Amino acid sequence: MKVDFNTPLQVVSNSMLHYHHISVQPEEVDGSDFFPSVHSDEAEHATTCALRFNPKVQTVLALYNLSMQRSVNTGDAIVHYVLFHAFLEVDDYDGASRHLAAFRQQLACLITTSLTAEEQEEADAQVLLQLYFILFHESFHIILRQDPKTYKAAIDTTHELLRDIAAELDDMHASISNEELFSHPKTQKHIHALIPDELSEEARCEVEANIRENLSHDYLNSAYIAHVLESDPTLVEEITCDRQAWLNLIPILQAEGATDADLLSFHLWIFTVLNAMDFNKVLQNQFIPAQHDHSHYDGYRVLMRHKAFKALLRQYHAEIEKTITTEYLDLHKGLESIFRSSVMALERYADDLRQIYSRHQAGNHQPDFARHRRLENEMSEAAKSLFKE
């Protein structure tokens, strides 16, 4: 595999030690929670910080990139990949084997539209940059928690940027109502694109009604942003770490000769990461009891974070923002295909999801380490085709 996750892990760890005098221990983890996280142990005289990293995130990102950046429908492959690891987490090896076989079949179809050597090189570089972003993002959670002055300055900047977005939304609402926006032909087209054709007419109507209800509730406005500023410090910190990670990457990329066009591409690549994280949480909410009960998908927060990340181009790179035409709409076409696959998965694999949920809840499954390792190796071998050797 061309992408080596150890390099960005080491670079981020070294950067934190050199610039912030914070020692961080990279910690490799497994399971269906693919995206990095941080963990701190408070001792009497010191705090130990671990940066937890699941190497499987590389495969997840490669699949989302194919769908959102190259219009290759990888939605079913993503679902099978997630459910494979979900079954492994609860030591249900028969279930994992079924989804491994299905994943292989999906990849066999995808390989018929394989990338050229140049495209594959770019695809691997895309995953590498995305790894740097998510690792820098997590590192800033540690930095903000350990440096009160940095925390205050960074959070104050986020507050200012969110107020700018609120003013922009007020201006937009003054020129178009929600009803006009939802009845626009383009909005109608995107709603219909989210609904799988395979569903029955009754199910299609139910999904459409649910989407419309969520859209009407999740529509951003200045009142919601005021609520975030006052009552949602967790979301404010997430938005802050997104911005800090982006601003930390830009000088590095520019020093390597990145043009404005390159920076726009990088911004789109990272926006793909945010969507991948959101959809992974949606699927996890279905089979992990703690998340199912306490961590429901919140469209308000997702849209707010996405809006804030998009605004970085306007706020820091106005000349790049002016060049945007249909790039974000093109990304959403791929996202729509993944959404359709997720909707079908919730229906097609309902029994699997219930089985994983109940085994998580029971917590008394018995591991077979040899079989677990064999299945992991087989999945790793199958996923290699997504990367340059």
Protein backbone atom coordinates (compact mmCIF):
# COMPACT_ATOMS: atom_id res chain seq x y z
CA MET A 1 0.00 0.00 0.00
CA LYS A 2 1.45 3.33 -1.07
CA VAL A 3 -0.18 5.37 1.71
CA ASP A 4 1.85 5.07 4.93
CA PHE A 5 -0.14 6.29 7.92
CA ASN A 6 2.95 6.15 10.18
CA THR A 7 4.45 9.21 8.50
CA PRO A 8 1.59 11.67 9.25
CA LEU A 9 1.27 10.19 12.74
CA GLN A 10 4.94 10.87 13.42
CA VAL A 11 4.87 14.33 11.81
CA VAL A 12 1.90 15.43 13.92
CA SER A 13 3.42 14.00 17.11
CA ASN A 14 6.76 15.71 16.44
CA SER A 15 5.01 19.00 15.65
CA MET A 16 3.12 18.96 18.95
CA LEU A 17 6.30 18.27 20.88
CA HIS A 18 8.37 20.89 19.04
CA TYR A 19 5.88 23.77 18.91
CA HIS A 20 3.69 23.10 21.94
CA HIS A 21 5.92 20.98 24.22
CA ILE A 22 3.18 18.35 24.41
CA SER A 23 4.17 14.69 24.26
CA VAL A 24 1.61 12.53 22.47
CA GLN A 25 1.70 8.75 22.18
CA PRO A 26 0.20 7.36 18.94
CA GLU A 27 -1.98 4.36 19.74
CA GLU A 28 -3.25 2.01 17.02
CA VAL A 29 -6.82 0.78 17.56
CA ASP A 30 -9.30 -1.47 15.76
CA GLY A 31 -13.05 -1.78 15.28
CA SER A 32 -15.76 0.05 13.34
CA ASP A 33 -14.99 3.50 14.75
CA PHE A 34 -12.61 4.41 11.94
CA PHE A 35 -11.78 8.03 12.70
CA PRO A 36 -9.06 9.22 15.12
CA SER A 37 -9.74 10.36 18.66
CA VAL A 38 -7.71 11.61 21.62
CA HIS A 39 -7.55 10.26 25.14
CA SER A 40 -5.96 11.89 28.19
CA ASP A 41 -4.94 10.31 31.49
CA GLU A 42 -4.62 12.81 34.32
CA ALA A 43 -1.93 11.88 36.86
CA GLU A 44 -0.75 13.83 39.91
CA HIS A 45 2.17 15.50 38.15
CA ALA A 46 1.52 15.03 34.44
CA THR A 47 -1.03 14.39 31.73
CA THR A 48 -0.47 11.56 29.26
CA CYS A 49 -2.11 12.07 25.86
CA ALA A 50 -2.82 9.30 23.38
CA LEU A 51 -3.72 9.89 19.75
CA ARG A 52 -5.83 6.88 18.83
CA PHE A 53 -5.71 5.89 15.17
CA ASN A 54 -7.50 3.13 13.25
CA PRO A 55 -5.60 2.32 10.00
CA LYS A 56 -8.87 1.13 8.43
CA VAL A 57 -9.81 4.79 7.94
CA GLN A 58 -7.60 4.77 4.84
CA THR A 59 -9.88 2.29 3.07
CA VAL A 60 -12.99 4.20 4.16
CA LEU A 61 -11.56 7.46 2.78
CA ALA A 62 -10.51 5.82 -0.49
CA LEU A 63 -14.07 4.54 -0.99
CA TYR A 64 -15.67 7.91 -0.23
CA ASN A 65 -13.18 9.65 -2.52
CA LEU A 66 -14.08 7.37 -5.43
CA SER A 67 -17.76 8.18 -4.95
CA MET A 68 -17.60 11.89 -4.19
CA GLN A 69 -14.59 12.86 -6.31
CA ARG A 70 -14.81 10.43 -9.24
CA SER A 71 -18.52 9.51 -9.43
CA VAL A 72 -17.89 5.79 -8.83
CA ASN A 73 -20.78 4.37 -6.80
CA THR A 74 -19.07 2.84 -3.76
CA GLY A 75 -22.04 3.09 -1.40
CA ASP A 76 -22.67 -0.66 -1.14
CA ALA A 77 -18.94 -1.37 -0.68
CA ILE A 78 -18.85 1.15 2.18
CA VAL A 79 -21.83 -0.50 3.90
CA HIS A 80 -20.29 -3.97 3.61
CA TYR A 81 -16.94 -2.68 4.90
CA VAL A 82 -18.59 -1.09 7.94
CA LEU A 83 -20.74 -4.14 8.71
CA PHE A 84 -17.76 -6.49 8.31
CA HIS A 85 -15.90 -4.64 11.07
CA ALA A 86 -19.07 -4.29 13.15
CA PHE A 87 -19.51 -8.08 13.13
CA LEU A 88 -15.82 -8.58 13.98
CA GLU A 89 -16.24 -6.22 16.94
CA VAL A 90 -18.80 -8.59 18.46
CA ASP A 91 -16.93 -11.75 17.39
CA ASP A 92 -19.62 -12.87 14.95
CA TYR A 93 -17.34 -14.38 12.32
CA ASP A 94 -20.07 -15.84 10.13
CA GLY A 95 -21.63 -12.40 9.73
CA ALA A 96 -18.21 -10.87 9.03
CA SER A 97 -17.50 -13.54 6.40
CA ARG A 98 -20.75 -12.76 4.58
CA HIS A 99 -19.94 -9.07 4.33
CA LEU A 100 -16.32 -9.79 3.35
CA ALA A 101 -17.59 -11.85 0.41
CA ALA A 102 -20.05 -9.10 -0.54
CA PHE A 103 -17.30 -6.46 -0.27
CA ARG A 104 -15.08 -8.48 -2.61
CA GLN A 105 -17.91 -8.68 -5.14
CA GLN A 106 -18.41 -4.92 -4.98
CA LEU A 107 -14.70 -4.27 -5.47
CA ALA A 108 -14.63 -6.62 -8.46
CA CYS A 109 -17.26 -4.38 -10.09
CA LEU A 110 -15.37 -1.21 -9.15
CA ILE A 111 -12.07 -2.50 -10.54
CA THR A 112 -13.62 -2.67 -14.03
CA THR A 113 -13.44 1.14 -13.89
CA SER A 114 -9.90 1.19 -12.47
CA LEU A 115 -7.90 4.40 -12.36
CA THR A 116 -4.91 5.20 -14.54
CA ALA A 117 -1.48 5.19 -12.87
CA GLU A 118 -1.58 8.99 -12.64
CA GLU A 119 -5.10 9.00 -11.21
CA GLN A 120 -4.13 6.33 -8.65
CA GLU A 121 -1.12 8.38 -7.60
CA GLU A 122 -3.41 11.36 -7.02
CA ALA A 123 -5.94 9.19 -5.19
CA ASP A 124 -3.24 7.99 -2.78
CA ALA A 125 -2.01 11.55 -2.27
CA GLN A 126 -5.59 12.55 -1.52
CA VAL A 127 -5.89 9.96 1.26
CA LEU A 128 -2.52 11.04 2.67
CA LEU A 129 -3.57 14.70 2.84
CA GLN A 130 -6.86 13.70 4.45
CA LEU A 131 -4.95 11.75 7.09
CA TYR A 132 -2.86 14.81 7.88
CA PHE A 133 -6.01 16.89 8.28
CA ILE A 134 -7.85 14.55 10.64
CA LEU A 135 -4.70 14.01 12.73
CA PHE A 136 -3.98 17.74 12.96
CA HIS A 137 -7.64 18.25 13.88
CA GLU A 138 -7.36 15.80 16.79
CA SER A 139 -4.03 17.26 17.89
CA PHE A 140 -5.65 20.67 18.28
CA HIS A 141 -8.19 19.21 20.69
CA ILE A 142 -5.22 18.34 22.90
CA ILE A 143 -3.54 21.71 22.42
CA LEU A 144 -6.69 23.68 23.24
CA ARG A 145 -7.32 21.69 26.38
CA GLN A 146 -3.78 22.17 27.69
CA ASP A 147 -3.24 25.83 26.74
CA PRO A 148 -5.97 28.16 28.09
CA LYS A 149 -4.62 31.23 26.26
CA THR A 150 -4.56 29.46 22.90
CA TYR A 151 -8.02 28.07 23.64
CA LYS A 152 -9.50 31.51 24.34
CA ALA A 153 -7.94 33.14 21.27
CA ALA A 154 -9.01 30.30 18.96
CA ILE A 155 -12.56 30.08 20.33
CA ASP A 156 -12.97 33.88 20.15
CA THR A 157 -12.00 33.75 16.46
CA THR A 158 -14.56 31.00 15.85
CA HIS A 159 -17.26 33.07 17.54
CA GLU A 160 -16.42 35.97 15.24
CA LEU A 161 -16.52 33.78 12.13
CA LEU A 162 -19.85 32.23 13.14
CA ARG A 163 -21.34 35.70 13.66
CA ASP A 164 -20.22 36.57 10.11
CA ILE A 165 -22.03 33.46 8.84
CA ALA A 166 -25.14 34.45 10.82
CA ALA A 167 -25.15 37.88 9.16
CA GLU A 168 -24.76 36.23 5.76
CA LEU A 169 -27.70 33.90 6.46
CA ASP A 170 -29.87 36.83 7.54
CA ASP A 171 -29.13 38.54 4.21
CA MET A 172 -30.00 35.37 2.31
CA HIS A 173 -33.25 34.84 4.21
CA ALA A 174 -34.25 38.39 3.38
CA SER A 175 -34.10 37.56 -0.33
CA ILE A 176 -35.62 34.03 -0.39
CA SER A 177 -38.00 32.18 1.93
CA ASN A 178 -37.67 28.57 3.04
CA GLU A 179 -40.78 27.70 1.02
CA GLU A 180 -39.26 29.18 -2.14
CA LEU A 181 -35.98 27.36 -1.53
CA PHE A 182 -37.62 23.94 -0.95
CA SER A 183 -39.89 24.30 -4.01
CA HIS A 184 -36.99 25.20 -6.31
CA PRO A 185 -36.49 22.57 -9.09
CA LYS A 186 -32.86 21.97 -8.06
CA THR A 187 -33.91 21.28 -4.47
CA GLN A 188 -36.61 18.91 -5.71
CA LYS A 189 -34.06 17.14 -7.90
CA HIS A 190 -31.63 16.62 -4.99
CA ILE A 191 -34.39 15.31 -2.71
CA HIS A 192 -35.46 12.74 -5.31
CA ALA A 193 -31.82 11.74 -5.92
CA LEU A 194 -31.53 10.70 -2.26
CA ILE A 195 -34.35 8.15 -2.48
CA PRO A 196 -33.50 4.62 -3.72
CA ASP A 197 -35.56 3.44 -6.70
CA GLU A 198 -35.68 -0.06 -5.15
CA LEU A 199 -37.97 1.09 -2.33
CA SER A 200 -41.70 0.53 -2.52
CA GLU A 201 -43.86 3.53 -3.34
CA GLU A 202 -45.00 3.70 0.27
CA ALA A 203 -41.43 3.59 1.55
CA ARG A 204 -40.33 6.20 -1.01
CA CYS A 205 -43.06 8.58 0.17
CA GLU A 206 -42.04 7.97 3.79
CA VAL A 207 -38.35 8.70 3.08
CA GLU A 208 -39.22 11.82 1.07
CA ALA A 209 -41.45 13.12 3.86
CA ASN A 210 -38.65 12.48 6.37
CA ILE A 211 -36.09 14.31 4.22
CA ARG A 212 -38.39 17.29 3.77
CA GLU A 213 -39.10 17.42 7.49
CA ASN A 214 -35.38 17.29 8.31
CA LEU A 215 -34.62 19.98 5.74
CA SER A 216 -37.23 22.29 7.18
CA HIS A 217 -35.98 21.74 10.73
CA ASP A 218 -32.28 21.75 9.95
CA TYR A 219 -32.23 24.91 7.90
CA LEU A 220 -29.59 27.19 9.37
CA ASN A 221 -30.42 30.65 10.62
CA SER A 222 -28.87 33.29 12.86
CA ALA A 223 -31.01 32.19 15.84
CA TYR A 224 -29.54 28.69 15.65
CA ILE A 225 -26.01 30.10 15.43
CA ALA A 226 -26.71 32.25 18.50
CA HIS A 227 -27.79 29.05 20.28
CA VAL A 228 -24.55 27.31 19.24
CA LEU A 229 -22.45 30.22 20.50
CA GLU A 230 -24.23 30.22 23.83
CA SER A 231 -24.93 26.55 24.50
CA ASP A 232 -22.87 24.19 22.32
CA PRO A 233 -19.16 24.51 23.21
CA THR A 234 -18.48 21.03 21.82
CA LEU A 235 -19.55 22.03 18.30
CA VAL A 236 -17.68 25.33 18.59
CA GLU A 237 -14.53 23.39 19.48
CA GLU A 238 -15.00 21.00 16.54
CA ILE A 239 -15.34 23.94 14.16
CA THR A 240 -12.29 25.55 15.78
CA CYS A 241 -10.17 22.43 15.33
CA ASP A 242 -11.28 22.17 11.68
CA ARG A 243 -10.09 25.72 11.11
CA GLN A 244 -6.83 25.28 13.01
CA ALA A 245 -6.03 22.07 11.12
CA TRP A 246 -6.74 23.79 7.78
CA LEU A 247 -4.64 26.83 8.65
CA ASN A 248 -1.84 24.57 9.86
CA LEU A 249 -1.77 22.67 6.56
CA ILE A 250 -1.91 25.64 4.19
CA PRO A 251 1.63 27.03 4.76
CA ILE A 252 3.07 23.53 4.39
CA LEU A 253 1.25 23.00 1.09
CA GLN A 254 2.12 26.45 -0.22
CA ALA A 255 5.78 25.88 0.63
CA GLU A 256 5.60 22.82 -1.64
CA GLY A 257 4.28 25.01 -4.48
CA ALA A 258 0.52 24.53 -4.13
CA THR A 259 -1.46 26.90 -6.37
CA ASP A 260 -4.89 28.41 -5.68
CA ALA A 261 -6.41 25.65 -7.82
CA ASP A 262 -4.60 23.06 -5.70
CA LEU A 263 -5.90 24.62 -2.48
CA LEU A 264 -9.47 24.45 -3.79
CA SER A 265 -8.95 20.76 -4.58
CA PHE A 266 -7.52 20.17 -1.11
CA HIS A 267 -10.50 21.94 0.44
CA LEU A 268 -12.88 19.68 -1.46
CA TRP A 269 -10.91 16.62 -0.40
CA ILE A 270 -11.24 17.60 3.26
CA PHE A 271 -14.94 18.37 2.86
CA THR A 272 -15.24 14.75 1.71
CA VAL A 273 -13.69 13.68 5.04
CA LEU A 274 -16.33 15.56 7.03
CA ASN A 275 -19.10 13.80 5.10
CA ALA A 276 -17.45 10.41 5.58
CA MET A 277 -17.31 11.00 9.35
CA ASP A 278 -20.99 11.97 9.42
CA PHE A 279 -22.17 8.90 7.51
CA ASN A 280 -20.01 6.58 9.58
CA LYS A 281 -21.77 7.92 12.70
CA VAL A 282 -25.17 7.36 11.07
CA LEU A 283 -24.39 3.67 10.52
CA GLN A 284 -22.82 3.23 13.96
CA ASN A 285 -25.90 4.71 15.59
CA GLN A 286 -27.84 1.71 14.28
CA PHE A 287 -25.79 -1.04 15.93
CA ILE A 288 -23.91 0.42 18.92
CA PRO A 289 -26.34 0.75 21.86
CA ALA A 290 -24.60 3.71 23.54
CA GLN A 291 -24.66 5.74 20.32
CA HIS A 292 -28.12 4.55 19.32
CA ASP A 293 -29.55 5.76 22.62
CA HIS A 294 -27.56 8.92 23.25
CA SER A 295 -25.87 10.12 20.04
CA HIS A 296 -28.54 10.61 17.40
CA TYR A 297 -27.72 12.18 14.06
CA ASP A 298 -28.22 15.93 14.37
CA GLY A 299 -28.67 17.66 11.04
CA TYR A 300 -28.38 21.10 12.58
CA ARG A 301 -24.88 20.44 13.88
CA VAL A 302 -23.72 18.71 10.69
CA LEU A 303 -24.87 21.56 8.46
CA MET A 304 -23.34 24.14 10.79
CA ARG A 305 -19.95 22.44 10.75
CA HIS A 306 -20.04 22.04 6.96
CA LYS A 307 -21.08 25.66 6.48
CA ALA A 308 -18.26 26.86 8.72
CA PHE A 309 -15.70 24.77 6.86
CA LYS A 310 -16.86 26.03 3.46
CA ALA A 311 -16.62 29.59 4.79
CA LEU A 312 -12.87 29.17 5.35
CA LEU A 313 -12.21 29.82 1.68
CA ARG A 314 -14.17 33.08 1.72
CA GLN A 315 -12.70 34.21 5.03
CA TYR A 316 -9.07 33.36 4.37
CA HIS A 317 -8.77 32.84 0.60
CA ALA A 318 -11.30 35.14 -1.07
CA GLU A 319 -9.57 34.86 -4.44
CA ILE A 320 -10.04 31.07 -4.38
CA GLU A 321 -13.67 31.28 -3.26
CA LYS A 322 -14.47 33.36 -6.35
CA THR A 323 -13.41 30.49 -8.63
CA ILE A 324 -15.95 27.99 -7.23
CA THR A 325 -18.63 26.98 -9.75
CA THR A 326 -20.22 23.50 -9.38
CA GLU A 327 -17.52 21.73 -7.37
CA TYR A 328 -19.55 21.26 -4.18
CA LEU A 329 -22.64 20.21 -6.13
CA ASP A 330 -20.53 17.62 -7.92
CA LEU A 331 -19.40 16.23 -4.56
CA HIS A 332 -23.00 15.94 -3.42
CA LYS A 333 -23.88 13.74 -6.39
CA GLY A 334 -21.51 11.11 -5.03
CA LEU A 335 -22.81 11.68 -1.51
CA GLU A 336 -26.36 11.08 -2.74
CA SER A 337 -25.37 7.63 -4.04
CA ILE A 338 -23.87 6.75 -0.65
CA PHE A 339 -26.99 8.02 1.12
CA ARG A 340 -29.19 5.83 -1.11
CA SER A 341 -27.04 2.79 -0.26
CA SER A 342 -27.29 3.60 3.44
CA VAL A 343 -31.08 3.86 3.24
CA MET A 344 -31.26 0.50 1.49
CA ALA A 345 -28.82 -1.01 4.02
CA LEU A 346 -31.08 -0.06 6.91
CA GLU A 347 -33.85 -2.05 5.19
CA ARG A 348 -31.86 -4.87 3.54
CA TYR A 349 -29.61 -5.59 6.54
CA ALA A 350 -32.05 -4.80 9.33
CA ASP A 351 -31.60 -8.29 10.81
CA ASP A 352 -27.81 -7.91 10.72
CA LEU A 353 -28.02 -4.54 12.45
CA ARG A 354 -30.30 -5.95 15.15
CA GLN A 355 -27.94 -8.90 15.64
CA ILE A 356 -24.88 -6.67 16.05
CA TYR A 357 -26.83 -4.38 18.40
CA SER A 358 -27.95 -7.26 20.62
CA ARG A 359 -24.45 -8.76 20.77
CA HIS A 360 -23.02 -5.35 21.72
CA GLN A 361 -25.63 -5.14 24.45
CA ALA A 362 -25.05 -8.67 25.74
CA GLY A 363 -21.28 -8.22 25.83
CA ASN A 364 -20.57 -11.92 26.51
CA HIS A 365 -19.27 -13.03 23.12
CA GLN A 366 -16.19 -15.24 22.95
CA PRO A 367 -13.27 -14.21 20.71
CA ASP A 368 -11.57 -16.65 18.35
CA PHE A 369 -8.28 -14.81 17.83
CA ALA A 370 -7.05 -17.00 14.98
CA ARG A 371 -10.25 -16.61 12.97
CA HIS A 372 -10.43 -12.90 13.77
CA ARG A 373 -6.88 -12.39 12.53
CA ARG A 374 -7.50 -14.46 9.38
CA LEU A 375 -10.58 -12.44 8.44
CA GLU A 376 -8.77 -9.17 9.10
CA ASN A 377 -5.93 -10.27 6.81
CA GLU A 378 -8.35 -11.32 4.08
CA MET A 379 -10.14 -7.96 4.22
CA SER A 380 -6.83 -6.10 4.19
CA GLU A 381 -5.77 -8.06 1.10
CA ALA A 382 -9.08 -7.35 -0.64
CA ALA A 383 -8.82 -3.60 0.08
CA LYS A 384 -5.31 -3.36 -1.42
CA SER A 385 -6.78 -2.91 -4.89
CA LEU A 386 -7.90 0.58 -3.81
CA PHE A 387 -4.29 1.73 -3.45
CA LYS A 388 -1.11 1.81 -5.49
CA GLU A 389 1.26 -1.05 -4.64
